[in-house]
Amino acid sequence: MPLVLFLLEVMLISLSGAMAPGPVTTVVLGKGSESPHAGAWVSIGHGIIEIPLMVALLYGVGRLLDTPYVKPAIALVGGLFLLFMAWGMFRSLRRGETAATRNTSSPVVAGILLTLGNPYFLVWWATVGAAMIMRSVAFGLIGFVAFAVAHLLIDFSWNYSLSALSYKGSQVLGARFQTGVFLVCGVALAFFGGKLMVDGVVQLLA
């Protein structure tokens, strides 16, 4: 398979993963109501974790995810962080504010913590991502670099687009739209956080 076709496949698979609803999408929309560039900063935080992880998988350390209690611990910590972010959004709404960045972490830090605390992200990389990395090696080092760049560009473009759309909506529709976004994002974060906590407990008891 030519490198160009492989990269096209990588971009389609990466886009399907980026488009799946999850904590990162929720935070990008919430913070995007304040700044059109929030998605870019969240993506940078996400990339700070993702780039070393891709290199680590290239050298075969993905097996660490099979270590007992690693995934449950990640799920519990990640769930707590998401619940904390949801609480911050609900608190801002109760005070009549719509400023997530004053009540939660910065977009870059949020991108880092959401990535670290998402076991599904790690499992995806240990399976689908690792398989694509192994295929990229067939094209040499340039193949791996091209794969990494293509994947990161998809994440960046998608998140930036979401935050720009959210910001545009808040500017056109005003505070009511922004409040609605915060409410939906708060509920979604609480749901994802609770689900991660439950999954972590189930894995520990299994």
Protein backbone atom coordinates (compact mmCIF):
# COMPACT_ATOMS: atom_id res chain seq x y z
CA MET A 1 0.00 0.00 0.00
CA PRO A 2 1.41 3.43 -0.92
CA LEU A 3 2.16 5.80 1.96
CA VAL A 4 -0.45 8.29 0.74
CA LEU A 5 -3.24 5.70 0.93
CA PHE A 6 -2.08 4.60 4.36
CA LEU A 7 -2.16 8.18 5.63
CA LEU A 8 -5.66 8.63 4.23
CA GLU A 9 -6.75 5.57 6.18
CA VAL A 10 -5.06 6.95 9.30
CA MET A 11 -6.87 10.26 8.94
CA LEU A 12 -10.27 8.57 8.54
CA ILE A 13 -9.74 6.31 11.55
CA SER A 14 -8.41 9.24 13.61
CA LEU A 15 -11.36 11.40 12.64
CA SER A 16 -13.83 8.72 13.69
CA GLY A 17 -12.14 8.60 17.08
CA ALA A 18 -12.00 12.39 17.43
CA MET A 19 -15.68 12.74 16.51
CA ALA A 20 -16.84 10.24 19.13
CA PRO A 21 -18.56 12.10 22.01
CA GLY A 22 -16.41 12.14 25.11
CA PRO A 23 -14.87 14.31 27.85
CA VAL A 24 -12.48 16.13 25.51
CA THR A 25 -15.32 17.10 23.16
CA THR A 26 -17.38 18.29 26.10
CA VAL A 27 -14.61 20.48 27.52
CA VAL A 28 -13.74 21.88 24.08
CA LEU A 29 -17.35 22.98 23.62
CA GLY A 30 -17.56 24.46 27.11
CA LYS A 31 -14.33 26.41 26.90
CA GLY A 32 -15.01 27.25 23.26
CA SER A 33 -17.97 29.36 24.33
CA GLU A 34 -15.37 31.75 25.78
CA SER A 35 -12.58 31.51 23.21
CA PRO A 36 -12.52 30.25 19.62
CA HIS A 37 -8.96 29.06 20.21
CA ALA A 38 -9.76 26.82 23.20
CA GLY A 39 -9.82 23.69 21.03
CA ALA A 40 -6.29 24.39 19.84
CA TRP A 41 -5.01 24.67 23.41
CA VAL A 42 -6.83 21.52 24.53
CA SER A 43 -5.28 19.73 21.54
CA ILE A 44 -1.82 20.93 22.56
CA GLY A 45 -2.34 19.51 26.06
CA HIS A 46 -3.62 16.29 24.50
CA GLY A 47 -0.58 16.13 22.22
CA ILE A 48 1.84 16.62 25.14
CA ILE A 49 0.70 13.19 26.36
CA GLU A 50 -0.02 11.60 23.00
CA ILE A 51 3.36 12.17 21.33
CA PRO A 52 5.44 10.40 24.04
CA LEU A 53 2.81 7.64 24.14
CA MET A 54 3.16 7.04 20.39
CA VAL A 55 6.95 6.83 20.73
CA ALA A 56 6.60 4.50 23.71
CA LEU A 57 4.23 2.21 21.78
CA LEU A 58 6.71 2.21 18.91
CA TYR A 59 9.19 0.64 21.32
CA GLY A 60 6.70 -1.85 22.73
CA VAL A 61 5.82 -0.56 26.21
CA GLY A 62 2.08 -0.78 25.53
CA ARG A 63 2.08 -4.03 27.50
CA LEU A 64 2.20 -1.96 30.68
CA LEU A 65 -1.53 -1.42 30.27
CA ASP A 66 -2.03 -5.11 30.97
CA THR A 67 -0.52 -4.69 34.45
CA PRO A 68 -3.12 -5.41 37.17
CA TYR A 69 -4.84 -2.35 38.67
CA VAL A 70 -3.35 0.11 36.14
CA LYS A 71 -6.53 0.62 34.12
CA PRO A 72 -8.86 0.63 37.18
CA ALA A 73 -6.66 3.24 38.89
CA ILE A 74 -6.67 5.42 35.78
CA ALA A 75 -10.45 5.10 35.53
CA LEU A 76 -10.99 6.13 39.17
CA VAL A 77 -8.65 9.12 39.01
CA GLY A 78 -10.02 10.21 35.65
CA GLY A 79 -13.58 9.90 36.89
CA LEU A 80 -12.85 12.07 39.91
CA PHE A 81 -11.30 14.75 37.70
CA LEU A 82 -14.32 14.79 35.36
CA LEU A 83 -16.70 15.05 38.32
CA PHE A 84 -14.62 17.95 39.64
CA MET A 85 -14.89 19.74 36.29
CA ALA A 86 -18.65 19.12 36.20
CA TRP A 87 -18.97 20.55 39.71
CA GLY A 88 -17.03 23.64 38.61
CA MET A 89 -19.41 24.21 35.70
CA PHE A 90 -22.52 23.74 37.84
CA ARG A 91 -21.10 26.10 40.46
CA SER A 92 -20.45 28.80 37.85
CA LEU A 93 -24.03 28.46 36.61
CA ARG A 94 -25.39 28.72 40.14
CA ARG A 95 -23.47 31.96 40.59
CA GLY A 96 -24.79 33.28 37.30
CA GLU A 97 -21.36 33.02 35.67
CA THR A 98 -20.31 31.37 32.43
CA ALA A 99 -16.55 31.25 32.77
CA ALA A 100 -15.26 27.71 32.92
CA THR A 101 -11.65 28.82 32.81
CA ARG A 102 -12.06 30.65 36.10
CA ASN A 103 -13.47 27.61 37.84
CA THR A 104 -11.57 24.77 36.24
CA SER A 105 -8.12 24.27 34.78
CA SER A 106 -6.73 26.01 31.71
CA PRO A 107 -7.41 24.39 28.31
CA VAL A 108 -3.87 23.02 28.06
CA VAL A 109 -3.98 21.49 31.54
CA ALA A 110 -7.47 20.17 30.86
CA GLY A 111 -6.19 18.49 27.69
CA ILE A 112 -3.34 16.87 29.64
CA LEU A 113 -5.46 15.67 32.56
CA LEU A 114 -8.36 14.46 30.42
CA THR A 115 -5.92 12.44 28.33
CA LEU A 116 -4.12 10.95 31.33
CA GLY A 117 -7.38 10.14 33.08
CA ASN A 118 -9.10 8.43 30.16
CA PRO A 119 -8.48 4.65 30.15
CA TYR A 120 -10.44 4.28 26.90
CA PHE A 121 -7.91 6.56 25.21
CA LEU A 122 -5.08 4.32 26.44
CA VAL A 123 -6.88 1.14 25.40
CA TRP A 124 -7.49 2.63 21.93
CA TRP A 125 -3.79 3.33 21.55
CA ALA A 126 -2.83 -0.10 22.89
CA THR A 127 -5.02 -1.73 20.21
CA VAL A 128 -6.01 0.32 17.15
CA GLY A 129 -3.24 2.89 17.58
CA ALA A 130 -0.53 0.30 18.14
CA ALA A 131 -1.63 -1.59 15.02
CA MET A 132 -1.39 1.58 12.91
CA ILE A 133 2.03 2.37 14.37
CA MET A 134 3.30 -1.08 13.43
CA ARG A 135 1.99 -0.58 9.89
CA SER A 136 3.62 2.84 9.67
CA VAL A 137 7.03 1.30 10.44
CA ALA A 138 6.86 -0.55 7.12
CA PHE A 139 7.53 2.84 5.49
CA GLY A 140 10.51 3.51 7.74
CA LEU A 141 10.96 6.38 10.18
CA ILE A 142 9.32 8.80 7.76
CA GLY A 143 6.24 6.60 7.80
CA PHE A 144 5.96 6.80 11.59
CA VAL A 145 6.52 10.58 11.60
CA ALA A 146 3.95 11.07 8.84
CA PHE A 147 1.47 8.91 10.76
CA ALA A 148 1.98 10.90 13.96
CA VAL A 149 1.62 14.25 12.19
CA ALA A 150 -1.52 13.15 10.34
CA HIS A 151 -3.16 11.90 13.53
CA LEU A 152 -2.30 15.02 15.52
CA LEU A 153 -3.52 17.31 12.72
CA ILE A 154 -6.90 15.56 12.69
CA ASP A 155 -7.30 15.99 16.46
CA PHE A 156 -6.20 19.62 16.26
CA SER A 157 -8.46 20.50 13.32
CA TRP A 158 -11.53 18.84 14.81
CA ASN A 159 -11.15 20.39 18.26
CA TYR A 160 -10.36 23.83 16.84
CA SER A 161 -13.46 23.64 14.63
CA LEU A 162 -15.65 22.68 17.58
CA SER A 163 -14.42 25.53 19.78
CA ALA A 164 -14.77 28.04 16.93
CA LEU A 165 -18.37 26.94 16.33
CA SER A 166 -19.15 27.08 20.04
CA TYR A 167 -17.69 30.58 20.31
CA LYS A 168 -19.61 31.75 17.25
CA GLY A 169 -22.83 30.42 18.74
CA SER A 170 -22.24 32.21 22.03
CA GLN A 171 -21.51 35.48 20.22
CA VAL A 172 -24.60 35.27 18.01
CA LEU A 173 -27.08 33.85 20.54
CA GLY A 174 -25.70 35.48 23.66
CA ALA A 175 -25.58 34.45 27.30
CA ARG A 176 -28.54 32.07 27.04
CA PHE A 177 -26.68 29.92 24.52
CA GLN A 178 -23.56 29.97 26.67
CA THR A 179 -25.54 28.94 29.74
CA GLY A 180 -27.13 26.11 27.78
CA VAL A 181 -23.73 24.89 26.61
CA PHE A 182 -22.40 24.93 30.17
CA LEU A 183 -25.43 23.01 31.45
CA VAL A 184 -25.16 20.33 28.77
CA CYS A 185 -21.39 20.07 29.23
CA GLY A 186 -21.73 19.83 33.01
CA VAL A 187 -24.25 17.01 32.74
CA ALA A 188 -22.10 15.22 30.15
CA LEU A 189 -18.95 15.51 32.28
CA ALA A 190 -20.84 14.21 35.32
CA PHE A 191 -22.08 11.26 33.24
CA PHE A 192 -18.63 10.41 31.86
CA GLY A 193 -17.05 10.85 35.29
CA GLY A 194 -19.61 8.60 36.96
CA LYS A 195 -19.22 5.99 34.24
CA LEU A 196 -15.44 5.95 34.64
CA MET A 197 -15.78 5.59 38.41
CA VAL A 198 -18.20 2.69 38.05
CA ASP A 199 -15.99 0.99 35.43
CA GLY A 200 -12.97 1.37 37.70
CA VAL A 201 -14.76 -0.22 40.66
CA VAL A 202 -16.06 -3.07 38.49
CA GLN A 203 -12.54 -3.76 37.20
CA LEU A 204 -11.13 -3.76 40.72
CA LEU A 205 -13.76 -6.24 41.90
CA ALA A 206 -13.47 -8.49 38.86
